[in-house]
Each structure stands twice: as C-alpha cells, then as structure tokens.
Amino acid sequence: MNEQTALIVAPSESRIPARWIDEADFVIAADGGLANTQAQSVVADLVVGDMDSVDEGQLEQAKSAGAKIERHPVAKDESDLELALIAALERGATRVRIVVRDGGRLDHAFANLTVLASPRWASVEISAVVGSSLVWPVHDRRTLPLQPGDHISLHAIGGIATGITSHGLHYALAGESLDPFVARAIANVVETAEPTIQLESGVLLSISSPLPTRGCSNAQG
C-alpha cells in the first residue's frame, strides 16, 4: 500500500517542524490554522472547517494558491480538528502530523487531546505538536522518537488500558494496567533511545513535555 503523510495545521502559533513540511504529501489547514500555514509560507491543499476564524482575504489567498475550500456549518457535531482528520483519512493518509495549540480555552485543549486518541484513527500513525509538547496516541505498539533524558508521561484515555509493557523507560511497565483516573505513569524518563510502548487493550496518550532544566526536546516523529 502507498504510504501517504498528511500535515494538519490547526489554530496555533507553534512552529511547524521543517521535517514535517518536507515529508507531507498534502497539507490540511483546520479553519484558523490557515493563518499559521500562510505565516510560515506553507501552501495548504485543503482548508476545512466552519471558517469562523478565517477572514475572506486569507481564503482568497489560499484559493489563488490552489487550495480546495471545504466549508461546514457553524452548528455541527464535529470539531474542525475532527473534520481535518476525516479529510486526511478520506485522502488515504497512513501517517498524520498535527500542529495544534495548548493554550486558549481549556475545553478546546482537552477536546483536542481526546480527539487525537480516538479509535477512529487507530489505522493511521498520528504524531502531534501541542504547544511545546509532543504527543503520540498508542493503540497497539509504538516506538517513540525520544532520546535519553527526555520526559515522558502515559495517560489512559477512554477507559482502563491493560497489558502495558514499556522498553527504554526508567520506570518500566511489564504487562500492567493504567486507570484513566489515576496519575500513576506521569513524570517518567527515557533511558534508551527510541523507547517502545505496547498494550493489549485500550488507548494511551504518550506525552513528552519540556523539562525546565533541559529545555524542549528536539524530537520529531
């Protein structure tokens, strides 16, 4: 099967990793994310959302550059990020790289994280830059592009995750379970490059946030 990489840019002031731009087969701007793509001279192939955070000048610029505009009603059941993910899968994406903010409204930030972990996208490899943090959903097994000393936390999403085994972390898990209401697996540290996480059931979000004494990790994946 042909592998296709989609880059989704949601509203954010975060820099889009240069490697993600180079690797992208197509770029989707999720509503106000169009401003970020244009500010960084990244050409969007598709702009999707209710367009409540995009002005007509930005849309005309995107159209002139060849973008398709997919406008949805303001009163809709999906968030703009969900619509962008649906569009990525419809276009055959097998990998999705996402840039999204971590500030602003807490409800939106929380919803974005839970959307990333949805089983709907279990068939694709998702990586996200969320503000200054890096996020990877784990549905089965995942190798993380982290280096010794990097911070890592694991969070069960949507229910208890079972049969979790980690390799390359200071506090190892061996066939164990994580409850979404217990903060047991936060503040771990990578001991060997490219640690792996696997589980038998459930969904995990693995999050690497910058440590104040070390600055932000340079990992991208």
N, C-alpha and C. Protein backbone atom coordinates (compact mmCIF):
# COMPACT_ATOMS: atom_id res chain seq x y z
N MET A 1 0.84 -1.19 0.00
CA MET A 1 0.00 0.00 0.00
C MET A 1 0.88 1.24 0.00
N ASN A 2 0.49 2.24 -0.79
CA ASN A 2 1.20 3.50 -0.84
C ASN A 2 1.04 4.23 0.48
N GLU A 3 2.16 4.66 1.06
CA GLU A 3 2.07 5.42 2.30
C GLU A 3 1.92 6.90 1.97
N GLN A 4 0.97 7.55 2.64
CA GLN A 4 0.71 8.96 2.43
C GLN A 4 0.78 9.68 3.77
N THR A 5 1.47 10.80 3.78
CA THR A 5 1.60 11.58 5.01
C THR A 5 0.83 12.89 4.88
N ALA A 6 -0.09 13.11 5.81
CA ALA A 6 -0.85 14.35 5.85
C ALA A 6 -0.31 15.23 6.96
N LEU A 7 -0.22 16.52 6.69
CA LEU A 7 0.12 17.51 7.71
C LEU A 7 -1.12 18.34 7.97
N ILE A 8 -1.60 18.30 9.22
CA ILE A 8 -2.77 19.09 9.62
C ILE A 8 -2.28 20.23 10.51
N VAL A 9 -2.65 21.45 10.14
CA VAL A 9 -2.28 22.61 10.95
C VAL A 9 -3.56 23.22 11.50
N ALA A 10 -3.74 23.09 12.80
CA ALA A 10 -4.89 23.69 13.48
C ALA A 10 -4.46 25.06 14.02
N PRO A 11 -5.41 25.87 14.52
CA PRO A 11 -5.02 27.18 15.06
C PRO A 11 -3.92 27.05 16.11
N SER A 12 -2.82 27.74 15.91
CA SER A 12 -1.67 27.64 16.79
C SER A 12 -0.64 28.66 16.36
N GLU A 13 0.19 29.07 17.30
CA GLU A 13 1.32 29.92 16.97
C GLU A 13 2.61 29.10 16.93
N SER A 14 2.50 27.79 17.10
CA SER A 14 3.67 26.92 17.14
C SER A 14 4.33 26.84 15.76
N ARG A 15 5.64 26.71 15.78
CA ARG A 15 6.36 26.48 14.54
C ARG A 15 6.01 25.09 14.00
N ILE A 16 5.82 25.00 12.71
CA ILE A 16 5.59 23.71 12.07
C ILE A 16 6.95 23.08 11.82
N PRO A 17 7.21 21.89 12.36
CA PRO A 17 8.52 21.27 12.15
C PRO A 17 8.89 21.18 10.67
N ALA A 18 10.08 21.63 10.33
CA ALA A 18 10.50 21.67 8.92
C ALA A 18 10.46 20.28 8.29
N ARG A 19 10.82 19.25 9.07
CA ARG A 19 10.82 17.89 8.52
C ARG A 19 9.41 17.44 8.17
N TRP A 20 8.44 17.87 8.97
CA TRP A 20 7.05 17.51 8.68
C TRP A 20 6.58 18.16 7.38
N ILE A 21 7.00 19.38 7.15
CA ILE A 21 6.65 20.07 5.91
C ILE A 21 7.23 19.31 4.72
N ASP A 22 8.49 18.93 4.83
CA ASP A 22 9.16 18.22 3.74
C ASP A 22 8.52 16.87 3.46
N GLU A 23 8.07 16.18 4.51
CA GLU A 23 7.53 14.83 4.36
C GLU A 23 6.07 14.80 3.91
N ALA A 24 5.38 15.93 4.02
CA ALA A 24 3.93 15.94 3.77
C ALA A 24 3.61 15.73 2.30
N ASP A 25 2.69 14.80 2.04
CA ASP A 25 2.16 14.62 0.69
C ASP A 25 1.02 15.60 0.43
N PHE A 26 0.32 16.01 1.48
CA PHE A 26 -0.68 17.07 1.36
C PHE A 26 -0.86 17.74 2.71
N VAL A 27 -1.28 19.01 2.65
CA VAL A 27 -1.41 19.85 3.85
C VAL A 27 -2.86 20.27 4.00
N ILE A 28 -3.39 20.08 5.22
CA ILE A 28 -4.76 20.48 5.53
C ILE A 28 -4.72 21.55 6.61
N ALA A 29 -5.30 22.70 6.32
CA ALA A 29 -5.45 23.75 7.33
C ALA A 29 -6.82 23.59 7.97
N ALA A 30 -6.84 23.41 9.28
CA ALA A 30 -8.12 23.29 10.01
C ALA A 30 -8.54 24.68 10.44
N ASP A 31 -9.46 25.27 9.67
CA ASP A 31 -10.02 26.59 9.98
C ASP A 31 -8.92 27.62 10.21
N GLY A 32 -8.82 28.16 11.44
CA GLY A 32 -7.85 29.20 11.74
C GLY A 32 -6.41 28.78 11.60
N GLY A 33 -6.16 27.49 11.43
CA GLY A 33 -4.80 27.04 11.16
C GLY A 33 -4.25 27.58 9.85
N LEU A 34 -5.14 28.07 8.99
CA LEU A 34 -4.71 28.65 7.73
C LEU A 34 -3.76 29.83 7.96
N ALA A 35 -4.03 30.61 8.99
CA ALA A 35 -3.17 31.75 9.29
C ALA A 35 -1.75 31.30 9.60
N ASN A 36 -1.64 30.17 10.30
CA ASN A 36 -0.31 29.65 10.65
C ASN A 36 0.42 29.13 9.41
N THR A 37 -0.29 28.44 8.52
CA THR A 37 0.37 27.96 7.30
C THR A 37 0.85 29.13 6.45
N GLN A 38 0.01 30.15 6.31
CA GLN A 38 0.40 31.30 5.49
C GLN A 38 1.54 32.09 6.12
N ALA A 39 1.55 32.19 7.45
CA ALA A 39 2.62 32.91 8.14
C ALA A 39 3.96 32.22 7.95
N GLN A 40 3.92 30.88 7.76
CA GLN A 40 5.16 30.13 7.61
C GLN A 40 5.39 29.68 6.16
N SER A 41 4.65 30.31 5.23
CA SER A 41 4.82 30.05 3.79
C SER A 41 4.62 28.58 3.43
N VAL A 42 3.69 27.94 4.11
CA VAL A 42 3.32 26.57 3.80
C VAL A 42 2.01 26.61 3.01
N VAL A 43 1.99 25.99 1.85
CA VAL A 43 0.82 26.03 0.98
C VAL A 43 -0.15 24.92 1.38
N ALA A 44 -1.37 25.30 1.75
CA ALA A 44 -2.40 24.32 2.12
C ALA A 44 -3.08 23.79 0.86
N ASP A 45 -3.28 22.47 0.82
CA ASP A 45 -4.03 21.85 -0.27
C ASP A 45 -5.52 21.89 -0.01
N LEU A 46 -5.89 21.91 1.28
CA LEU A 46 -7.29 21.90 1.68
C LEU A 46 -7.46 22.77 2.91
N VAL A 47 -8.52 23.57 2.94
CA VAL A 47 -8.91 24.31 4.14
C VAL A 47 -10.28 23.78 4.53
N VAL A 48 -10.40 23.29 5.77
CA VAL A 48 -11.64 22.66 6.20
C VAL A 48 -12.08 23.26 7.53
N GLY A 49 -13.39 23.44 7.70
CA GLY A 49 -13.93 23.96 8.95
C GLY A 49 -15.13 24.85 8.70
N ASP A 50 -15.60 25.51 9.77
CA ASP A 50 -16.74 26.41 9.61
C ASP A 50 -16.30 27.82 9.24
N MET A 51 -14.99 28.04 9.17
CA MET A 51 -14.38 29.31 8.74
C MET A 51 -14.72 30.48 9.66
N ASP A 52 -15.00 30.18 10.93
CA ASP A 52 -15.30 31.27 11.85
C ASP A 52 -14.05 31.99 12.32
N SER A 53 -12.88 31.42 12.04
CA SER A 53 -11.62 32.05 12.45
C SER A 53 -10.74 32.41 11.26
N VAL A 54 -11.34 32.47 10.08
CA VAL A 54 -10.60 32.78 8.85
C VAL A 54 -11.25 33.96 8.17
N ASP A 55 -10.46 34.94 7.75
CA ASP A 55 -11.07 36.05 7.02
C ASP A 55 -11.04 35.76 5.52
N GLU A 56 -11.85 36.48 4.79
CA GLU A 56 -12.01 36.20 3.36
C GLU A 56 -10.72 36.44 2.59
N GLY A 57 -9.91 37.37 3.06
CA GLY A 57 -8.63 37.62 2.40
C GLY A 57 -7.72 36.40 2.47
N GLN A 58 -7.70 35.75 3.63
CA GLN A 58 -6.90 34.53 3.79
C GLN A 58 -7.42 33.42 2.88
N LEU A 59 -8.76 33.31 2.81
CA LEU A 59 -9.34 32.27 1.96
C LEU A 59 -9.04 32.53 0.49
N GLU A 60 -9.11 33.78 0.05
CA GLU A 60 -8.81 34.11 -1.34
C GLU A 60 -7.35 33.82 -1.67
N GLN A 61 -6.47 34.12 -0.72
CA GLN A 61 -5.05 33.81 -0.91
C GLN A 61 -4.85 32.31 -1.06
N ALA A 62 -5.55 31.53 -0.21
CA ALA A 62 -5.43 30.07 -0.27
C ALA A 62 -5.97 29.54 -1.60
N LYS A 63 -7.13 30.07 -2.05
CA LYS A 63 -7.70 29.64 -3.33
C LYS A 63 -6.75 29.94 -4.48
N SER A 64 -6.14 31.12 -4.44
CA SER A 64 -5.21 31.51 -5.51
C SER A 64 -4.01 30.58 -5.56
N ALA A 65 -3.64 30.03 -4.40
CA ALA A 65 -2.51 29.11 -4.35
C ALA A 65 -2.92 27.68 -4.69
N GLY A 66 -4.23 27.46 -4.98
CA GLY A 66 -4.69 26.14 -5.42
C GLY A 66 -5.41 25.32 -4.38
N ALA A 67 -5.69 25.90 -3.22
CA ALA A 67 -6.34 25.13 -2.15
C ALA A 67 -7.82 24.91 -2.45
N LYS A 68 -8.31 23.75 -2.04
CA LYS A 68 -9.74 23.48 -2.06
C LYS A 68 -10.33 23.93 -0.73
N ILE A 69 -11.48 24.57 -0.75
CA ILE A 69 -12.13 25.06 0.47
C ILE A 69 -13.33 24.18 0.78
N GLU A 70 -13.35 23.60 1.97
CA GLU A 70 -14.44 22.73 2.40
C GLU A 70 -15.11 23.37 3.61
N ARG A 71 -16.17 24.11 3.34
CA ARG A 71 -16.83 24.89 4.40
C ARG A 71 -17.97 24.09 5.02
N HIS A 72 -18.01 24.07 6.36
CA HIS A 72 -19.04 23.36 7.11
C HIS A 72 -19.87 24.36 7.93
N PRO A 73 -21.10 23.99 8.29
CA PRO A 73 -21.92 24.88 9.11
C PRO A 73 -21.28 25.12 10.47
N VAL A 74 -21.54 26.28 11.05
CA VAL A 74 -21.05 26.57 12.40
C VAL A 74 -21.69 25.59 13.40
N ALA A 75 -22.99 25.31 13.23
CA ALA A 75 -23.69 24.34 14.08
C ALA A 75 -23.44 22.94 13.52
N LYS A 76 -22.41 22.29 14.03
CA LYS A 76 -22.02 20.98 13.53
C LYS A 76 -21.64 20.09 14.70
N ASP A 77 -21.59 18.78 14.46
CA ASP A 77 -21.27 17.83 15.53
C ASP A 77 -19.78 17.62 15.71
N GLU A 78 -18.97 17.86 14.68
CA GLU A 78 -17.53 17.61 14.75
C GLU A 78 -16.77 18.91 14.97
N SER A 79 -15.62 18.80 15.63
CA SER A 79 -14.73 19.95 15.72
C SER A 79 -13.98 20.09 14.40
N ASP A 80 -13.35 21.24 14.20
CA ASP A 80 -12.57 21.45 12.97
C ASP A 80 -11.43 20.45 12.88
N LEU A 81 -10.83 20.09 14.02
CA LEU A 81 -9.75 19.10 14.00
C LEU A 81 -10.27 17.74 13.56
N GLU A 82 -11.45 17.36 14.05
CA GLU A 82 -12.04 16.09 13.62
C GLU A 82 -12.31 16.10 12.12
N LEU A 83 -12.84 17.20 11.62
CA LEU A 83 -13.11 17.30 10.18
C LEU A 83 -11.82 17.17 9.38
N ALA A 84 -10.75 17.76 9.88
CA ALA A 84 -9.47 17.66 9.18
C ALA A 84 -8.95 16.23 9.19
N LEU A 85 -9.11 15.53 10.31
CA LEU A 85 -8.68 14.12 10.38
C LEU A 85 -9.51 13.25 9.45
N ILE A 86 -10.82 13.48 9.40
CA ILE A 86 -11.68 12.73 8.49
C ILE A 86 -11.23 12.96 7.05
N ALA A 87 -10.93 14.21 6.71
CA ALA A 87 -10.48 14.54 5.35
C ALA A 87 -9.15 13.85 5.04
N ALA A 88 -8.25 13.79 6.02
CA ALA A 88 -6.96 13.14 5.81
C ALA A 88 -7.13 11.65 5.51
N LEU A 89 -8.02 10.98 6.26
CA LEU A 89 -8.25 9.56 6.03
C LEU A 89 -8.92 9.33 4.68
N GLU A 90 -9.86 10.21 4.31
CA GLU A 90 -10.53 10.08 3.02
C GLU A 90 -9.55 10.20 1.86
N ARG A 91 -8.46 10.93 2.09
CA ARG A 91 -7.45 11.11 1.05
C ARG A 91 -6.34 10.08 1.13
N GLY A 92 -6.53 9.06 1.96
CA GLY A 92 -5.61 7.93 2.00
C GLY A 92 -4.41 8.09 2.89
N ALA A 93 -4.46 8.99 3.86
CA ALA A 93 -3.32 9.17 4.75
C ALA A 93 -3.07 7.93 5.60
N THR A 94 -1.82 7.54 5.70
CA THR A 94 -1.41 6.47 6.61
C THR A 94 -0.63 7.04 7.80
N ARG A 95 -0.13 8.25 7.64
CA ARG A 95 0.53 8.99 8.73
C ARG A 95 -0.07 10.39 8.77
N VAL A 96 -0.30 10.89 9.98
CA VAL A 96 -0.84 12.24 10.13
C VAL A 96 0.00 12.98 11.16
N ARG A 97 0.52 14.13 10.75
CA ARG A 97 1.27 15.01 11.64
C ARG A 97 0.40 16.24 11.92
N ILE A 98 0.26 16.60 13.19
CA ILE A 98 -0.69 17.64 13.58
C ILE A 98 0.01 18.70 14.42
N VAL A 99 -0.27 19.95 14.11
CA VAL A 99 0.22 21.07 14.92
C VAL A 99 -1.01 21.78 15.48
N VAL A 100 -1.07 21.89 16.81
CA VAL A 100 -2.24 22.49 17.45
C VAL A 100 -1.79 23.19 18.73
N ARG A 101 -2.53 24.21 19.14
CA ARG A 101 -2.14 24.97 20.34
C ARG A 101 -2.49 24.21 21.61
N ASP A 102 -1.79 24.58 22.70
CA ASP A 102 -2.15 24.02 24.01
C ASP A 102 -2.76 25.09 24.92
N GLY A 103 -2.75 26.36 24.50
CA GLY A 103 -3.32 27.41 25.32
C GLY A 103 -4.75 27.72 24.89
N GLY A 104 -5.22 28.90 25.27
CA GLY A 104 -6.58 29.27 24.92
C GLY A 104 -7.59 28.58 25.82
N ARG A 105 -8.73 28.21 25.25
CA ARG A 105 -9.81 27.62 26.04
C ARG A 105 -9.45 26.21 26.49
N LEU A 106 -9.59 25.97 27.78
CA LEU A 106 -9.26 24.66 28.35
C LEU A 106 -10.12 23.56 27.75
N ASP A 107 -11.42 23.84 27.52
CA ASP A 107 -12.29 22.81 26.98
C ASP A 107 -11.85 22.39 25.58
N HIS A 108 -11.39 23.36 24.77
CA HIS A 108 -10.92 23.03 23.43
C HIS A 108 -9.62 22.23 23.49
N ALA A 109 -8.71 22.63 24.38
CA ALA A 109 -7.44 21.92 24.51
C ALA A 109 -7.67 20.47 24.95
N PHE A 110 -8.57 20.29 25.90
CA PHE A 110 -8.89 18.94 26.38
C PHE A 110 -9.53 18.11 25.28
N ALA A 111 -10.48 18.73 24.56
CA ALA A 111 -11.16 18.01 23.48
C ALA A 111 -10.17 17.59 22.40
N ASN A 112 -9.22 18.46 22.07
CA ASN A 112 -8.23 18.11 21.04
C ASN A 112 -7.44 16.87 21.43
N LEU A 113 -7.04 16.77 22.69
CA LEU A 113 -6.26 15.60 23.14
C LEU A 113 -7.10 14.33 23.06
N THR A 114 -8.35 14.40 23.48
CA THR A 114 -9.18 13.19 23.43
C THR A 114 -9.49 12.81 21.98
N VAL A 115 -9.65 13.80 21.11
CA VAL A 115 -9.86 13.50 19.69
C VAL A 115 -8.66 12.77 19.11
N LEU A 116 -7.45 13.18 19.48
CA LEU A 116 -6.24 12.52 18.96
C LEU A 116 -6.21 11.04 19.33
N ALA A 117 -6.78 10.70 20.49
CA ALA A 117 -6.73 9.32 20.97
C ALA A 117 -7.86 8.46 20.46
N SER A 118 -8.77 8.99 19.67
CA SER A 118 -9.95 8.25 19.25
C SER A 118 -9.59 6.98 18.47
N PRO A 119 -10.27 5.87 18.76
CA PRO A 119 -10.07 4.64 17.98
C PRO A 119 -10.40 4.80 16.50
N ARG A 120 -11.12 5.88 16.14
CA ARG A 120 -11.43 6.12 14.73
C ARG A 120 -10.18 6.24 13.88
N TRP A 121 -9.08 6.69 14.49
CA TRP A 121 -7.86 6.92 13.72
C TRP A 121 -6.81 5.85 14.02
N ALA A 122 -7.22 4.72 14.60
CA ALA A 122 -6.26 3.70 15.02
C ALA A 122 -5.45 3.13 13.86
N SER A 123 -5.98 3.24 12.65
CA SER A 123 -5.28 2.67 11.48
C SER A 123 -4.17 3.57 10.96
N VAL A 124 -4.08 4.80 11.47
CA VAL A 124 -3.05 5.72 11.00
C VAL A 124 -2.10 6.07 12.15
N GLU A 125 -0.89 6.44 11.79
CA GLU A 125 0.12 6.83 12.78
C GLU A 125 0.04 8.33 12.99
N ILE A 126 -0.39 8.74 14.17
CA ILE A 126 -0.57 10.16 14.48
C ILE A 126 0.55 10.64 15.39
N SER A 127 1.13 11.78 15.03
CA SER A 127 2.07 12.50 15.89
C SER A 127 1.59 13.94 15.95
N ALA A 128 1.75 14.57 17.11
CA ALA A 128 1.25 15.94 17.25
C ALA A 128 2.22 16.81 18.04
N VAL A 129 2.34 18.04 17.59
CA VAL A 129 2.96 19.10 18.38
C VAL A 129 1.82 19.88 19.01
N VAL A 130 1.76 19.86 20.33
CA VAL A 130 0.71 20.56 21.06
C VAL A 130 1.39 21.62 21.92
N GLY A 131 1.44 22.83 21.41
CA GLY A 131 2.20 23.88 22.08
C GLY A 131 3.67 23.50 22.09
N SER A 132 4.24 23.34 23.27
CA SER A 132 5.65 22.96 23.39
C SER A 132 5.83 21.48 23.69
N SER A 133 4.74 20.71 23.66
CA SER A 133 4.80 19.28 23.96
C SER A 133 4.62 18.45 22.70
N LEU A 134 5.07 17.20 22.79
CA LEU A 134 4.92 16.23 21.71
C LEU A 134 3.97 15.13 22.19
N VAL A 135 3.05 14.72 21.33
CA VAL A 135 2.01 13.77 21.73
C VAL A 135 1.89 12.66 20.69
N TRP A 136 1.79 11.42 21.18
CA TRP A 136 1.60 10.26 20.30
C TRP A 136 0.53 9.34 20.88
N PRO A 137 -0.57 9.08 20.20
CA PRO A 137 -1.51 8.06 20.64
C PRO A 137 -0.89 6.66 20.45
N VAL A 138 -1.18 5.76 21.38
CA VAL A 138 -0.70 4.38 21.27
C VAL A 138 -1.92 3.47 21.34
N HIS A 139 -2.20 2.75 20.25
CA HIS A 139 -3.34 1.83 20.20
C HIS A 139 -2.90 0.38 20.32
N ASP A 140 -1.68 0.09 19.94
CA ASP A 140 -1.19 -1.29 19.95
C ASP A 140 0.27 -1.30 20.39
N ARG A 141 1.13 -0.83 19.50
CA ARG A 141 2.56 -0.73 19.80
C ARG A 141 3.10 0.51 19.12
N ARG A 142 3.98 1.21 19.80
CA ARG A 142 4.52 2.45 19.23
C ARG A 142 5.97 2.64 19.67
N THR A 143 6.82 2.96 18.72
CA THR A 143 8.19 3.37 19.02
C THR A 143 8.21 4.89 18.99
N LEU A 144 8.72 5.51 20.05
CA LEU A 144 8.67 6.96 20.19
C LEU A 144 10.03 7.58 19.85
N PRO A 145 10.04 8.66 19.07
CA PRO A 145 11.31 9.29 18.66
C PRO A 145 11.88 10.17 19.76
N LEU A 146 12.26 9.54 20.87
CA LEU A 146 12.79 10.27 22.03
C LEU A 146 14.20 9.80 22.34
N GLN A 147 14.92 10.62 23.08
CA GLN A 147 16.31 10.35 23.42
C GLN A 147 16.48 10.26 24.94
N PRO A 148 17.56 9.62 25.41
CA PRO A 148 17.79 9.51 26.85
C PRO A 148 17.70 10.88 27.54
N GLY A 149 16.99 10.89 28.66
CA GLY A 149 16.82 12.11 29.41
C GLY A 149 15.52 12.84 29.11
N ASP A 150 14.86 12.50 27.99
CA ASP A 150 13.59 13.15 27.67
C ASP A 150 12.50 12.72 28.65
N HIS A 151 11.58 13.63 28.89
CA HIS A 151 10.44 13.36 29.77
C HIS A 151 9.36 12.61 28.99
N ILE A 152 8.64 11.72 29.66
CA ILE A 152 7.53 11.00 29.03
C ILE A 152 6.47 10.67 30.09
N SER A 153 5.21 10.89 29.74
CA SER A 153 4.09 10.50 30.58
C SER A 153 3.13 9.67 29.76
N LEU A 154 2.49 8.72 30.40
CA LEU A 154 1.49 7.87 29.74
C LEU A 154 0.14 8.07 30.42
N HIS A 155 -0.90 8.25 29.60
CA HIS A 155 -2.23 8.51 30.13
C HIS A 155 -3.23 7.60 29.42
N ALA A 156 -3.96 6.81 30.19
CA ALA A 156 -5.04 6.00 29.61
C ALA A 156 -6.20 6.93 29.26
N ILE A 157 -6.79 6.72 28.08
CA ILE A 157 -7.88 7.57 27.60
C ILE A 157 -9.09 6.69 27.29
N GLY A 158 -10.25 7.07 27.81
CA GLY A 158 -11.49 6.40 27.46
C GLY A 158 -11.79 5.13 28.23
N GLY A 159 -10.93 4.75 29.15
CA GLY A 159 -11.13 3.52 29.91
C GLY A 159 -9.79 2.95 30.33
N ILE A 160 -9.84 1.85 31.07
CA ILE A 160 -8.60 1.23 31.56
C ILE A 160 -7.84 0.62 30.39
N ALA A 161 -6.53 0.89 30.33
CA ALA A 161 -5.64 0.28 29.34
C ALA A 161 -4.91 -0.88 30.02
N THR A 162 -4.86 -2.04 29.38
CA THR A 162 -4.30 -3.23 30.02
C THR A 162 -3.12 -3.79 29.23
N GLY A 163 -2.35 -4.62 29.92
CA GLY A 163 -1.24 -5.32 29.29
C GLY A 163 -0.17 -4.38 28.77
N ILE A 164 0.11 -3.31 29.51
CA ILE A 164 1.07 -2.31 29.05
C ILE A 164 2.48 -2.74 29.41
N THR A 165 3.35 -2.73 28.41
CA THR A 165 4.76 -3.03 28.61
C THR A 165 5.59 -1.95 27.94
N SER A 166 6.57 -1.45 28.66
CA SER A 166 7.45 -0.41 28.11
C SER A 166 8.89 -0.92 28.07
N HIS A 167 9.63 -0.43 27.09
CA HIS A 167 11.05 -0.72 26.98
C HIS A 167 11.80 0.59 26.78
N GLY A 168 12.81 0.81 27.58
CA GLY A 168 13.62 2.00 27.44
C GLY A 168 13.24 3.15 28.35
N LEU A 169 12.35 2.89 29.32
CA LEU A 169 11.96 3.92 30.28
C LEU A 169 12.53 3.60 31.67
N HIS A 170 12.79 4.66 32.45
CA HIS A 170 13.36 4.46 33.79
C HIS A 170 12.41 3.67 34.68
N TYR A 171 11.12 4.07 34.68
CA TYR A 171 10.12 3.34 35.45
C TYR A 171 9.37 2.45 34.48
N ALA A 172 9.76 1.18 34.44
CA ALA A 172 9.23 0.27 33.43
C ALA A 172 7.85 -0.26 33.82
N LEU A 173 7.06 -0.56 32.81
CA LEU A 173 5.78 -1.24 32.99
C LEU A 173 5.90 -2.61 32.33
N ALA A 174 5.41 -3.64 33.00
CA ALA A 174 5.52 -5.00 32.48
C ALA A 174 4.16 -5.69 32.57
N GLY A 175 3.37 -5.59 31.50
CA GLY A 175 2.06 -6.23 31.47
C GLY A 175 1.08 -5.63 32.44
N GLU A 176 1.20 -4.35 32.71
CA GLU A 176 0.38 -3.72 33.74
C GLU A 176 -0.78 -2.93 33.15
N SER A 177 -1.63 -2.41 34.04
CA SER A 177 -2.80 -1.64 33.63
C SER A 177 -2.69 -0.21 34.13
N LEU A 178 -3.32 0.71 33.37
CA LEU A 178 -3.41 2.10 33.79
C LEU A 178 -4.87 2.52 33.79
N ASP A 179 -5.28 3.16 34.87
CA ASP A 179 -6.63 3.68 35.02
C ASP A 179 -6.62 5.14 34.60
N PRO A 180 -7.58 5.59 33.81
CA PRO A 180 -7.58 6.99 33.38
C PRO A 180 -7.76 7.99 34.52
N PHE A 181 -8.20 7.51 35.69
CA PHE A 181 -8.42 8.42 36.82
C PHE A 181 -7.29 8.37 37.84
N VAL A 182 -6.18 7.71 37.46
CA VAL A 182 -5.02 7.62 38.35
C VAL A 182 -3.79 8.11 37.59
N ALA A 183 -3.04 9.04 38.22
CA ALA A 183 -1.88 9.65 37.55
C ALA A 183 -0.60 8.88 37.87
N ARG A 184 -0.65 7.57 37.66
CA ARG A 184 0.48 6.73 38.06
C ARG A 184 1.67 6.87 37.14
N ALA A 185 1.44 7.05 35.83
CA ALA A 185 2.52 6.93 34.85
C ALA A 185 3.00 8.27 34.32
N ILE A 186 2.86 9.33 35.13
CA ILE A 186 3.40 10.61 34.70
C ILE A 186 4.85 10.75 35.17
N ALA A 187 5.58 11.70 34.59
CA ALA A 187 6.93 12.05 35.03
C ALA A 187 7.92 10.90 34.94
N ASN A 188 7.83 10.12 33.87
CA ASN A 188 8.83 9.09 33.61
C ASN A 188 9.96 9.71 32.79
N VAL A 189 11.05 8.97 32.63
CA VAL A 189 12.22 9.48 31.91
C VAL A 189 12.72 8.41 30.95
N VAL A 190 13.10 8.83 29.76
CA VAL A 190 13.64 7.92 28.76
C VAL A 190 15.07 7.55 29.13
N GLU A 191 15.38 6.24 29.09
CA GLU A 191 16.74 5.77 29.39
C GLU A 191 17.50 5.35 28.13
N THR A 192 16.81 4.79 27.14
CA THR A 192 17.46 4.40 25.90
C THR A 192 16.71 5.01 24.72
N ALA A 193 17.43 5.32 23.67
CA ALA A 193 16.84 6.00 22.52
C ALA A 193 15.70 5.18 21.92
N GLU A 194 14.69 5.88 21.44
CA GLU A 194 13.53 5.29 20.78
C GLU A 194 12.86 4.21 21.63
N PRO A 195 12.35 4.59 22.79
CA PRO A 195 11.64 3.62 23.64
C PRO A 195 10.37 3.13 22.96
N THR A 196 9.91 1.97 23.38
CA THR A 196 8.69 1.40 22.82
C THR A 196 7.64 1.20 23.91
N ILE A 197 6.39 1.38 23.51
CA ILE A 197 5.24 1.15 24.39
C ILE A 197 4.30 0.22 23.66
N GLN A 198 3.83 -0.81 24.33
CA GLN A 198 2.83 -1.68 23.72
C GLN A 198 1.76 -2.02 24.76
N LEU A 199 0.57 -2.36 24.28
CA LEU A 199 -0.52 -2.69 25.19
C LEU A 199 -1.45 -3.68 24.52
N GLU A 200 -2.21 -4.40 25.35
CA GLU A 200 -3.13 -5.42 24.85
C GLU A 200 -4.50 -4.84 24.53
N SER A 201 -4.96 -3.87 25.33
CA SER A 201 -6.27 -3.27 25.07
C SER A 201 -6.30 -1.85 25.60
N GLY A 202 -7.17 -1.03 25.01
CA GLY A 202 -7.29 0.35 25.43
C GLY A 202 -6.47 1.29 24.57
N VAL A 203 -6.40 2.53 24.99
CA VAL A 203 -5.67 3.58 24.27
C VAL A 203 -4.84 4.38 25.27
N LEU A 204 -3.62 4.69 24.88
CA LEU A 204 -2.77 5.56 25.68
C LEU A 204 -2.43 6.82 24.90
N LEU A 205 -2.28 7.93 25.61
CA LEU A 205 -1.62 9.10 25.05
C LEU A 205 -0.25 9.19 25.71
N SER A 206 0.79 9.17 24.90
CA SER A 206 2.13 9.39 25.42
C SER A 206 2.50 10.83 25.13
N ILE A 207 2.94 11.53 26.17
CA ILE A 207 3.21 12.97 26.08
C ILE A 207 4.61 13.26 26.59
N SER A 208 5.38 13.99 25.77
CA SER A 208 6.70 14.43 26.19
C SER A 208 6.68 15.95 26.26
N SER A 209 6.81 16.48 27.47
CA SER A 209 6.82 17.92 27.69
C SER A 209 8.22 18.37 28.05
N PRO A 210 8.57 19.61 27.73
CA PRO A 210 9.92 20.08 28.05
C PRO A 210 10.13 20.19 29.55
N LEU A 211 11.32 19.82 29.99
CA LEU A 211 11.68 19.96 31.39
C LEU A 211 12.34 21.32 31.59
N PRO A 212 11.99 22.05 32.65
CA PRO A 212 12.53 23.40 32.85
C PRO A 212 14.05 23.47 32.85
N THR A 213 14.70 22.40 33.34
CA THR A 213 16.16 22.43 33.43
C THR A 213 16.85 22.03 32.15
N ARG A 214 16.09 21.48 31.17
CA ARG A 214 16.72 20.98 29.96
C ARG A 214 16.23 21.67 28.71
N GLY A 215 15.10 22.38 28.80
CA GLY A 215 14.52 22.96 27.58
C GLY A 215 13.74 21.92 26.83
N CYS A 216 13.24 22.30 25.67
CA CYS A 216 12.35 21.43 24.90
C CYS A 216 13.12 20.38 24.14
N SER A 217 12.61 19.15 24.14
CA SER A 217 13.20 18.08 23.34
C SER A 217 13.18 18.44 21.87
N ASN A 218 14.17 17.99 21.14
CA ASN A 218 14.22 18.23 19.69
C ASN A 218 13.57 17.12 18.91
N ALA A 219 12.95 16.17 19.61
CA ALA A 219 12.36 15.02 18.91
C ALA A 219 11.22 15.46 18.02
N GLN A 220 11.14 14.81 16.87
CA GLN A 220 10.01 14.99 15.97
C GLN A 220 9.70 13.63 15.38
N GLY A 221 8.44 13.25 15.37
CA GLY A 221 8.18 11.94 14.79
C GLY A 221 6.76 11.74 14.43
